[in-house]
C-alpha cells in the first residue's frame, strides 16, 4: 500500500471507515499516495475529504459525480449595518435569482453564458448529448448541501490582494454547487467505461476503484469532459452572483473561487505525471486562495494555502458530516434547531433536516487541525442568510 498522511485522529476526528476507503484507493497499482483531511467522512469510493494521487491515470469515481463542485465568494459594496436593515429584501432577491433542488433549471431561457459556445460541447459525444440539458440548468444549483449564503465577515489577516484592511468588516455572497445533472451523467458514463477498461487489464479490482489511463483515448476524453464541466460549474456560480448584484443594485469589490471534486496534473519528484484527485478537498498550493465553509449555522473561512507537499497541496473543503443523511434525519432535534435559529438570528430558506448545523463536525476543530500547517486563515464569516434546496419554507415564518 502507498503512503497515507492523515490530519486528525482516526476514531476521534475521522471515521475509521473513511480511512479504510482511502487505504483501498492507495492499494491500487496506479496509486502514488493519499491524504485524509480533518473533514473526512465516508463517501463513494474515495472518502469525502480524501485526496489520492495516481500515476498518469484518472478515476471518474474518485473525482465524484458532482464534477467540479466548487465555492465562490464575492465581497459586496454594502456595509454590515446597511445589509442588516435590508436583510429580508436581499434574501428574497437571492432566493429569486437562484434555482435550487433536484432538476432545478431556468428553462425559460433567462440564463445565458459564453461557456455554452465552448467547442467541446460538440467534440465530446456525451457532452453533445447533454448540451440542451446543460443550457436549461445553466445558473442553477442542485439539492443536498448546495447553498447560497449572505455572510458578514471580518478580515483577520491583511493581504495585498484583498480590497479590505485587517479587522475591517464586510458582507459577502458565498455559493456552493457544481455541474448539475450534466456533470452527474458525464461522471456516470465514464465511470462505466473505466470499469470496463480496468477489468481488461486488472481483473478483481473493485468497480468503484477503476481508472482510465491518460495515454488512452478514453482517458483523454474524460479529462476533456471534466475540464468542460469545470468551466460550466464556474459559469453557474458567475451567473448567480451576477444576477444577484444586478437585482440588488450592488457591486462586487472582489471575487474568489475554488474547485473541489476535480483532478489536477502535477509532476512529482521522480518526473511522473501525478494526477491529484481532490474529492471534497480544497487546493492549497502556496498563496492560493480557498474558501472553507462551515455549516448553515457556523463560521466559514477564507484561507490562503501554505503549499504543504505532504498534504498533496490540499486542505479541507468544509466541516465534514458526522453521520449519513439517513442517520442525520433521525437525529434531528427540531426544537433545538429552532432555538438555535432564534438565538443566532439566521434567516434560512429550504434547509432540510439532514443539512442543519447538527449534521456537521465542529468547524473550529477542523480548522485547528490545519491552521498554520496547510492554510492560513485570512477572514472569518458568519451566516446571516442561508438558502438551500431542502424544500422547507423560510424558517422565520415568511
Protein backbone atom coordinates (compact mmCIF):
# COMPACT_ATOMS: atom_id res chain seq x y z
CA UNK A 1 0.00 0.00 0.00
CA UNK A 2 1.21 3.51 -0.85
CA UNK A 3 1.77 6.13 1.90
CA UNK A 4 -1.18 7.93 3.53
CA UNK A 5 -0.97 11.18 5.51
CA UNK A 6 -3.78 11.87 7.99
CA UNK A 7 -4.69 15.24 9.52
CA UNK A 8 -6.67 14.38 12.62
CA UNK A 9 -7.17 11.37 14.86
CA UNK A 10 -8.83 8.27 13.43
CA UNK A 11 -11.80 7.34 15.59
CA UNK A 12 -12.00 10.82 17.11
CA UNK A 13 -11.87 13.31 14.25
CA UNK A 14 -12.30 10.86 11.38
CA UNK A 15 -14.48 7.79 10.89
CA UNK A 16 -12.28 4.64 10.61
CA UNK A 17 -14.34 3.57 7.59
CA UNK A 18 -13.21 6.70 5.73
CA UNK A 19 -9.60 5.68 6.37
CA UNK A 20 -10.39 2.17 5.09
CA UNK A 21 -11.77 3.64 1.88
CA UNK A 22 -8.57 5.61 1.30
CA UNK A 23 -6.46 2.55 2.14
CA UNK A 24 -8.22 0.67 -0.64
CA UNK A 25 -7.54 3.51 -3.07
CA UNK A 26 -3.87 3.57 -2.09
CA UNK A 27 -3.57 -0.16 -2.73
CA UNK A 28 -4.22 0.26 -6.45
CA UNK A 29 -1.34 -0.48 -8.85
CA UNK A 30 -1.51 3.09 -10.21
CA UNK A 31 -1.58 4.72 -6.77
CA UNK A 32 1.21 7.05 -5.61
CA UNK A 33 -0.07 8.39 -2.26
CA UNK A 34 -3.12 9.57 -0.35
CA UNK A 35 -4.21 12.18 2.18
CA UNK A 36 -7.09 12.25 4.65
CA UNK A 37 -8.13 15.76 5.71
CA UNK A 38 -9.83 16.67 9.01
CA UNK A 39 -13.32 16.97 7.47
CA UNK A 40 -13.09 13.45 6.01
CA UNK A 41 -16.07 11.11 6.14
CA UNK A 42 -17.30 8.08 4.23
CA UNK A 43 -18.08 8.74 0.58
CA UNK A 44 -18.48 6.86 -2.67
CA UNK A 45 -15.20 5.03 -3.37
CA UNK A 46 -12.81 7.79 -2.26
CA UNK A 47 -13.91 9.32 1.07
CA UNK A 48 -15.14 12.90 1.06
CA UNK A 49 -12.19 14.88 2.37
CA UNK A 50 -9.84 12.39 0.71
CA UNK A 51 -7.05 13.10 -1.77
CA UNK A 52 -5.47 10.44 -3.99
CA UNK A 53 -2.54 10.82 -6.38
CA UNK A 54 -2.49 8.35 -9.28
CA UNK A 55 0.28 7.70 -11.80
CA UNK A 56 -0.80 9.15 -15.18
CA UNK A 57 -4.34 7.91 -14.54
CA UNK A 58 -7.69 9.47 -13.70
CA UNK A 59 -10.57 7.84 -11.83
CA UNK A 60 -14.05 9.22 -12.57
CA UNK A 61 -15.30 7.75 -9.29
CA UNK A 62 -12.53 9.48 -7.33
CA UNK A 63 -13.41 12.83 -8.90
CA UNK A 64 -17.04 12.15 -8.00
CA UNK A 65 -20.47 12.51 -9.52
CA UNK A 66 -20.76 16.27 -8.98
CA UNK A 67 -17.77 17.13 -11.14
CA UNK A 68 -16.18 20.48 -10.27
CA UNK A 69 -18.41 21.20 -7.30
CA UNK A 70 -16.95 24.45 -6.07
CA UNK A 71 -17.11 27.51 -3.84
CA UNK A 72 -17.37 31.14 -4.94
CA UNK A 73 -17.17 34.19 -2.71
CA UNK A 74 -17.89 37.80 -3.65
CA UNK A 75 -17.33 40.74 -1.30
CA UNK A 76 -20.17 43.24 -1.79
CA UNK A 77 -20.16 47.03 -1.64
CA UNK A 78 -22.56 47.24 1.28
CA UNK A 79 -21.69 47.71 4.94
CA UNK A 80 -22.87 45.17 7.53
CA UNK A 81 -25.09 47.86 9.06
CA UNK A 82 -26.76 48.63 5.72
CA UNK A 83 -27.14 44.93 4.99
CA UNK A 84 -28.89 44.19 8.29
CA UNK A 85 -31.50 46.86 7.52
CA UNK A 86 -32.16 45.29 4.11
CA UNK A 87 -31.60 41.64 5.03
CA UNK A 88 -35.10 40.31 4.29
CA UNK A 89 -35.27 42.14 0.99
CA UNK A 90 -31.84 40.90 -0.08
CA UNK A 91 -32.76 37.35 0.97
CA UNK A 92 -35.84 37.45 -1.27
CA UNK A 93 -33.76 38.77 -4.17
CA UNK A 94 -31.20 35.98 -3.72
CA UNK A 95 -33.95 33.37 -3.49
CA UNK A 96 -35.44 34.80 -6.69
CA UNK A 97 -32.24 34.62 -8.77
CA UNK A 98 -31.31 31.11 -7.67
CA UNK A 99 -33.00 27.82 -8.56
CA UNK A 100 -32.40 25.03 -6.06
CA UNK A 101 -33.30 21.37 -5.94
CA UNK A 102 -33.20 18.17 -7.96
CA UNK A 103 -33.89 19.03 -11.60
CA UNK A 104 -33.95 22.79 -10.93
CA UNK A 105 -33.39 24.87 -14.06
CA UNK A 106 -34.02 28.09 -15.93
CA UNK A 107 -35.70 26.51 -18.94
CA UNK A 108 -37.37 29.79 -19.86
CA UNK A 109 -34.04 30.96 -21.24
CA UNK A 110 -33.28 33.63 -18.63
CA UNK A 111 -29.67 32.49 -18.22
CA UNK A 112 -27.01 32.89 -20.90
CA UNK A 113 -23.25 32.38 -20.75
CA UNK A 114 -20.38 32.09 -23.22
CA UNK A 115 -19.49 28.68 -21.76
CA UNK A 116 -22.25 27.15 -23.91
CA UNK A 117 -20.25 28.18 -27.02
CA UNK A 118 -17.28 26.04 -25.98
CA UNK A 119 -16.44 23.69 -28.90
CA UNK A 120 -16.01 20.74 -26.54
CA UNK A 121 -19.82 20.51 -26.24
CA UNK A 122 -19.82 19.28 -29.83
CA UNK A 123 -16.46 17.48 -29.84
CA UNK A 124 -17.22 15.13 -26.92
CA UNK A 125 -20.09 12.74 -27.80
CA UNK A 126 -21.54 12.51 -24.28
CA UNK A 127 -21.34 16.28 -23.79
CA UNK A 128 -23.10 16.84 -27.12
CA UNK A 129 -25.91 14.55 -25.95
CA UNK A 130 -26.31 16.63 -22.76
CA UNK A 131 -25.84 20.14 -24.14
CA UNK A 132 -29.56 21.05 -24.12
CA UNK A 133 -29.91 19.86 -20.52
CA UNK A 134 -26.86 21.89 -19.52
CA UNK A 135 -28.28 25.00 -21.18
CA UNK A 136 -31.55 24.67 -19.25
CA UNK A 137 -29.78 24.19 -15.90
CA UNK A 138 -27.24 26.96 -16.51
CA UNK A 139 -27.05 29.25 -13.48
CA UNK A 140 -28.94 26.89 -11.15
CA UNK A 141 -27.90 24.99 -8.02
CA UNK A 142 -28.59 21.42 -7.01
CA UNK A 143 -30.01 19.87 -3.87
CA UNK A 144 -28.16 18.31 -0.92
CA UNK A 145 -25.56 20.57 0.66
CA UNK A 146 -25.52 23.18 -2.10
CA UNK A 147 -26.27 26.67 -0.87
CA UNK A 148 -26.30 30.42 -1.43
CA UNK A 149 -25.45 32.38 1.72
CA UNK A 150 -25.03 36.03 2.59
CA UNK A 151 -22.44 36.39 5.33
CA UNK A 152 -20.95 39.08 7.49
CA UNK A 153 -17.23 38.68 7.91
CA UNK A 154 -14.09 40.22 9.33
CA UNK A 155 -10.57 40.35 7.91
CA UNK A 156 -8.17 38.68 10.35
CA UNK A 157 -5.01 38.74 8.21
CA UNK A 158 -4.01 41.62 5.93
CA UNK A 159 -3.20 40.60 2.35
CA UNK A 160 -2.15 42.76 -0.61
CA UNK A 161 -4.74 41.10 -2.86
CA UNK A 162 -7.63 41.98 -0.52
CA UNK A 163 -9.56 45.25 -1.01
CA UNK A 164 -10.02 45.48 2.79
CA UNK A 165 -7.83 46.07 5.83
CA UNK A 166 -7.30 43.95 8.92
CA UNK A 167 -10.28 43.94 11.33
CA UNK A 168 -12.45 45.55 8.68
CA UNK A 169 -15.93 44.01 8.49
CA UNK A 170 -17.65 43.17 5.21
CA UNK A 171 -20.63 41.46 3.58
CA UNK A 172 -20.10 38.54 1.19
CA UNK A 173 -22.12 36.23 -1.01
CA UNK A 174 -20.97 32.60 -0.80
CA UNK A 175 -22.25 29.89 -3.13
CA UNK A 176 -21.64 26.15 -3.25
CA UNK A 177 -22.71 23.99 -6.19
CA UNK A 178 -21.30 22.16 -9.20
CA UNK A 179 -22.05 20.88 -12.68
CA UNK A 180 -25.64 19.80 -12.01
CA UNK A 181 -27.30 16.87 -13.84
CA UNK A 182 -24.93 17.19 -16.79
CA UNK A 183 -21.88 16.57 -14.61
CA UNK A 184 -23.60 13.63 -12.93
CA UNK A 185 -24.41 11.91 -16.21
CA UNK A 186 -20.91 12.50 -17.60
CA UNK A 187 -19.40 11.05 -14.41
CA UNK A 188 -21.67 8.02 -14.56
CA UNK A 189 -20.90 7.43 -18.25
CA UNK A 190 -17.13 7.49 -17.85
CA UNK A 191 -17.22 5.53 -14.59
CA UNK A 192 -18.76 2.64 -16.55
CA UNK A 193 -16.08 2.94 -19.23
CA UNK A 194 -13.36 2.98 -16.56
CA UNK A 195 -14.77 -0.18 -15.00
CA UNK A 196 -14.72 -1.98 -18.35
CA UNK A 197 -11.18 -0.85 -19.21
CA UNK A 198 -9.78 -1.68 -15.78
CA UNK A 199 -11.24 -5.18 -15.80
CA UNK A 200 -9.50 -5.86 -19.13
CA UNK A 201 -6.07 -5.43 -17.54
CA UNK A 202 -6.64 -5.85 -13.79
CA UNK A 203 -9.34 -8.38 -13.05
CA UNK A 204 -10.64 -8.38 -9.49
CA UNK A 205 -10.31 -4.61 -8.92
CA UNK A 206 -13.47 -3.28 -7.27
CA UNK A 207 -15.61 -1.43 -9.83
CA UNK A 208 -15.71 1.70 -7.67
CA UNK A 209 -11.92 1.94 -7.81
CA UNK A 210 -11.46 1.76 -11.58
CA UNK A 211 -9.35 4.22 -13.56
CA UNK A 212 -8.53 5.40 -17.07
CA UNK A 213 -5.00 5.82 -18.39
CA UNK A 214 -4.30 9.28 -19.78
CA UNK A 215 -2.30 7.59 -22.55
CA UNK A 216 -5.52 6.16 -23.94
CA UNK A 217 -8.33 7.84 -25.87
CA UNK A 218 -10.97 7.18 -23.19
CA UNK A 219 -8.82 8.78 -20.51
CA UNK A 220 -8.19 11.88 -22.61
CA UNK A 221 -11.89 12.13 -23.49
CA UNK A 222 -12.91 12.02 -19.83
CA UNK A 223 -10.19 14.54 -18.94
CA UNK A 224 -11.52 16.99 -21.53
CA UNK A 225 -15.12 16.41 -20.38
CA UNK A 226 -14.05 17.05 -16.77
CA UNK A 227 -12.37 20.32 -17.78
CA UNK A 228 -15.53 21.39 -19.61
CA UNK A 229 -17.60 20.64 -16.51
CA UNK A 230 -15.18 22.81 -14.55
CA UNK A 231 -15.89 25.75 -16.85
CA UNK A 232 -19.63 25.02 -16.73
CA UNK A 233 -19.71 24.86 -12.91
CA UNK A 234 -17.81 28.15 -12.72
CA UNK A 235 -20.34 29.72 -15.09
CA UNK A 236 -23.21 28.61 -12.85
CA UNK A 237 -21.68 30.49 -9.92
CA UNK A 238 -20.83 33.53 -12.02
CA UNK A 239 -24.46 33.83 -13.12
CA UNK A 240 -25.84 33.58 -9.59
CA UNK A 241 -23.52 36.32 -8.36
CA UNK A 242 -24.06 38.48 -11.45
CA UNK A 243 -27.85 38.34 -11.30
CA UNK A 244 -27.94 38.88 -7.53
CA UNK A 245 -25.89 42.08 -7.55
CA UNK A 246 -27.78 43.37 -10.59
CA UNK A 247 -31.18 42.86 -8.94
CA UNK A 248 -29.93 44.16 -5.57
CA UNK A 249 -28.28 47.26 -7.05
CA UNK A 250 -24.89 46.28 -5.60
CA UNK A 251 -21.38 45.84 -6.93
CA UNK A 252 -18.69 43.23 -6.35
CA UNK A 253 -15.46 44.52 -4.79
CA UNK A 254 -13.59 41.26 -5.23
CA UNK A 255 -14.36 37.61 -6.04
CA UNK A 256 -12.57 34.30 -5.47
CA UNK A 257 -13.46 30.68 -6.21
CA UNK A 258 -12.07 27.18 -5.98
CA UNK A 259 -12.94 23.69 -7.24
CA UNK A 260 -13.26 20.51 -5.27
CA UNK A 261 -14.34 17.18 -6.83
CA UNK A 262 -11.75 17.59 -9.55
CA UNK A 263 -8.37 16.27 -10.70
CA UNK A 264 -5.17 18.23 -11.34
CA UNK A 265 -1.94 17.28 -13.10
CA UNK A 266 1.38 17.81 -11.31
CA UNK A 267 4.82 16.35 -11.89
CA UNK A 268 6.31 14.56 -8.87
CA UNK A 269 9.95 14.41 -7.79
CA UNK A 270 10.54 11.36 -9.97
CA UNK A 271 9.21 13.06 -13.07
CA UNK A 272 5.97 11.10 -13.17
CA UNK A 273 2.70 12.68 -14.27
CA UNK A 274 0.86 12.68 -10.96
CA UNK A 275 -2.92 13.16 -11.14
CA UNK A 276 -4.18 14.59 -7.85
CA UNK A 277 -7.84 13.76 -7.18
CA UNK A 278 -9.46 16.01 -4.58
CA UNK A 279 -12.79 14.50 -3.56
CA UNK A 280 -14.18 17.23 -1.35
CA UNK A 281 -10.81 18.88 -0.77
CA UNK A 282 -9.62 22.43 -1.45
CA UNK A 283 -6.47 23.25 -3.46
CA UNK A 284 -3.93 24.76 -1.03
CA UNK A 285 -0.88 25.48 -3.13
CA UNK A 286 1.34 28.25 -1.77
CA UNK A 287 -0.57 31.54 -1.97
CA UNK A 288 -3.71 30.01 -3.50
CA UNK A 289 -6.95 31.45 -2.09
CA UNK A 290 -9.55 28.97 -0.83
CA UNK A 291 -12.99 29.15 0.76
CA UNK A 292 -13.79 26.63 3.51
CA UNK A 293 -17.46 26.75 4.58
CA UNK A 294 -18.74 25.62 7.93
CA UNK A 295 -22.39 24.60 8.25
CA UNK A 296 -25.55 26.68 7.82
CA UNK A 297 -25.11 27.91 11.38
CA UNK A 298 -21.35 28.06 11.93
CA UNK A 299 -18.45 30.21 10.62
CA UNK A 300 -16.83 29.89 7.21
CA UNK A 301 -13.26 30.81 6.37
CA UNK A 302 -11.35 32.47 3.58
CA UNK A 303 -7.84 31.00 3.57
CA UNK A 304 -4.53 31.14 1.76
CA UNK A 305 -2.71 27.88 1.03
CA UNK A 306 0.69 27.21 2.55
CA UNK A 307 1.76 24.70 -0.13
CA UNK A 308 2.41 21.66 2.05
CA UNK A 309 3.67 18.80 -0.10
CA UNK A 310 2.71 16.10 2.43
CA UNK A 311 -0.96 17.11 2.12
CA UNK A 312 -0.67 16.95 -1.68
CA UNK A 313 -1.13 20.73 -1.56
CA UNK A 314 -4.67 20.33 -0.21
CA UNK A 315 -6.88 21.41 2.69
CA UNK A 316 -10.39 20.56 3.88
CA UNK A 317 -13.40 21.72 1.84
CA UNK A 318 -15.72 22.21 4.79
CA UNK A 319 -16.58 20.91 8.24
CA UNK A 320 -17.47 17.38 7.16
CA UNK A 321 -20.52 15.33 8.07
CA UNK A 322 -20.78 13.47 11.38
CA UNK A 323 -23.15 10.81 10.02
CA UNK A 324 -25.05 9.65 6.97
CA UNK A 325 -28.01 11.67 5.73
CA UNK A 326 -30.40 8.96 6.89
CA UNK A 327 -28.98 8.99 10.40
CA UNK A 328 -28.91 12.80 10.43
CA UNK A 329 -32.64 12.91 9.77
CA UNK A 330 -33.23 10.52 12.67
CA UNK A 331 -31.00 12.54 14.99
CA UNK A 332 -32.50 15.91 14.06
CA UNK A 333 -33.78 17.89 17.05
CA UNK A 334 -36.31 20.37 15.65
CA UNK A 335 -36.86 22.19 18.95
CA UNK A 336 -33.12 22.71 19.44
CA UNK A 337 -32.77 23.78 15.81
CA UNK A 338 -35.49 26.41 16.20
CA UNK A 339 -33.94 27.67 19.43
CA UNK A 340 -30.57 27.93 17.71
CA UNK A 341 -32.01 29.90 14.79
CA UNK A 342 -33.72 32.33 17.12
CA UNK A 343 -30.63 32.89 19.25
CA UNK A 344 -28.33 33.17 16.22
CA UNK A 345 -30.79 35.30 14.25
CA UNK A 346 -30.12 33.48 10.97
CA UNK A 347 -32.68 33.80 8.18
CA UNK A 348 -32.99 30.45 6.40
CA UNK A 349 -34.89 29.12 3.39
CA UNK A 350 -35.02 25.46 2.37
CA UNK A 351 -32.69 23.94 4.98
CA UNK A 352 -33.52 20.24 5.23
CA UNK A 353 -33.19 18.20 8.42
CA UNK A 354 -30.07 16.49 7.07
CA UNK A 355 -28.36 19.83 6.37
CA UNK A 356 -28.61 21.71 9.67
CA UNK A 357 -25.59 22.60 11.79
CA UNK A 358 -26.35 19.47 13.86
CA UNK A 359 -25.21 17.26 10.96
CA UNK A 360 -21.66 18.59 10.74
CA UNK A 361 -18.39 18.40 12.64
CA UNK A 362 -17.06 21.28 14.72
CA UNK A 363 -15.55 23.62 12.13
CA UNK A 364 -13.34 25.10 14.86
CA UNK A 365 -11.67 21.73 15.42
CA UNK A 366 -11.37 21.13 11.67
CA UNK A 367 -9.62 24.46 11.21
CA UNK A 368 -7.41 23.90 14.26
CA UNK A 369 -6.04 20.73 12.65
CA UNK A 370 -4.87 22.58 9.54
CA UNK A 371 -4.30 26.21 10.60
CA UNK A 372 -0.67 27.25 10.16
CA UNK A 373 0.18 23.92 8.54
CA UNK A 374 -2.00 23.58 5.45
CA UNK A 375 -3.62 27.02 5.33
CA UNK A 376 -3.57 30.47 6.89
CA UNK A 377 -6.97 31.98 7.69
CA UNK A 378 -7.49 35.40 6.12
CA UNK A 379 -11.14 36.10 7.03
CA UNK A 380 -13.87 34.55 9.14
CA UNK A 381 -17.52 34.88 8.12
CA UNK A 382 -20.83 34.21 9.89
CA UNK A 383 -24.08 33.26 8.12
CA UNK A 384 -26.92 35.79 8.09
CA UNK A 385 -28.99 34.42 5.16
CA UNK A 386 -28.91 30.74 4.18
CA UNK A 387 -30.75 29.39 1.12
CA UNK A 388 -30.71 25.69 0.20
CA UNK A 389 -32.81 23.24 -1.79
CA UNK A 390 -34.39 21.34 1.07
CA UNK A 391 -37.94 22.36 0.20
CA UNK A 392 -38.86 23.94 3.52
CA UNK A 393 -40.29 27.44 3.63
CA UNK A 394 -38.48 30.30 5.26
CA UNK A 395 -37.74 29.44 8.89
CA UNK A 396 -38.57 32.96 10.03
CA UNK A 397 -42.24 32.43 9.08
CA UNK A 398 -42.25 34.21 5.71
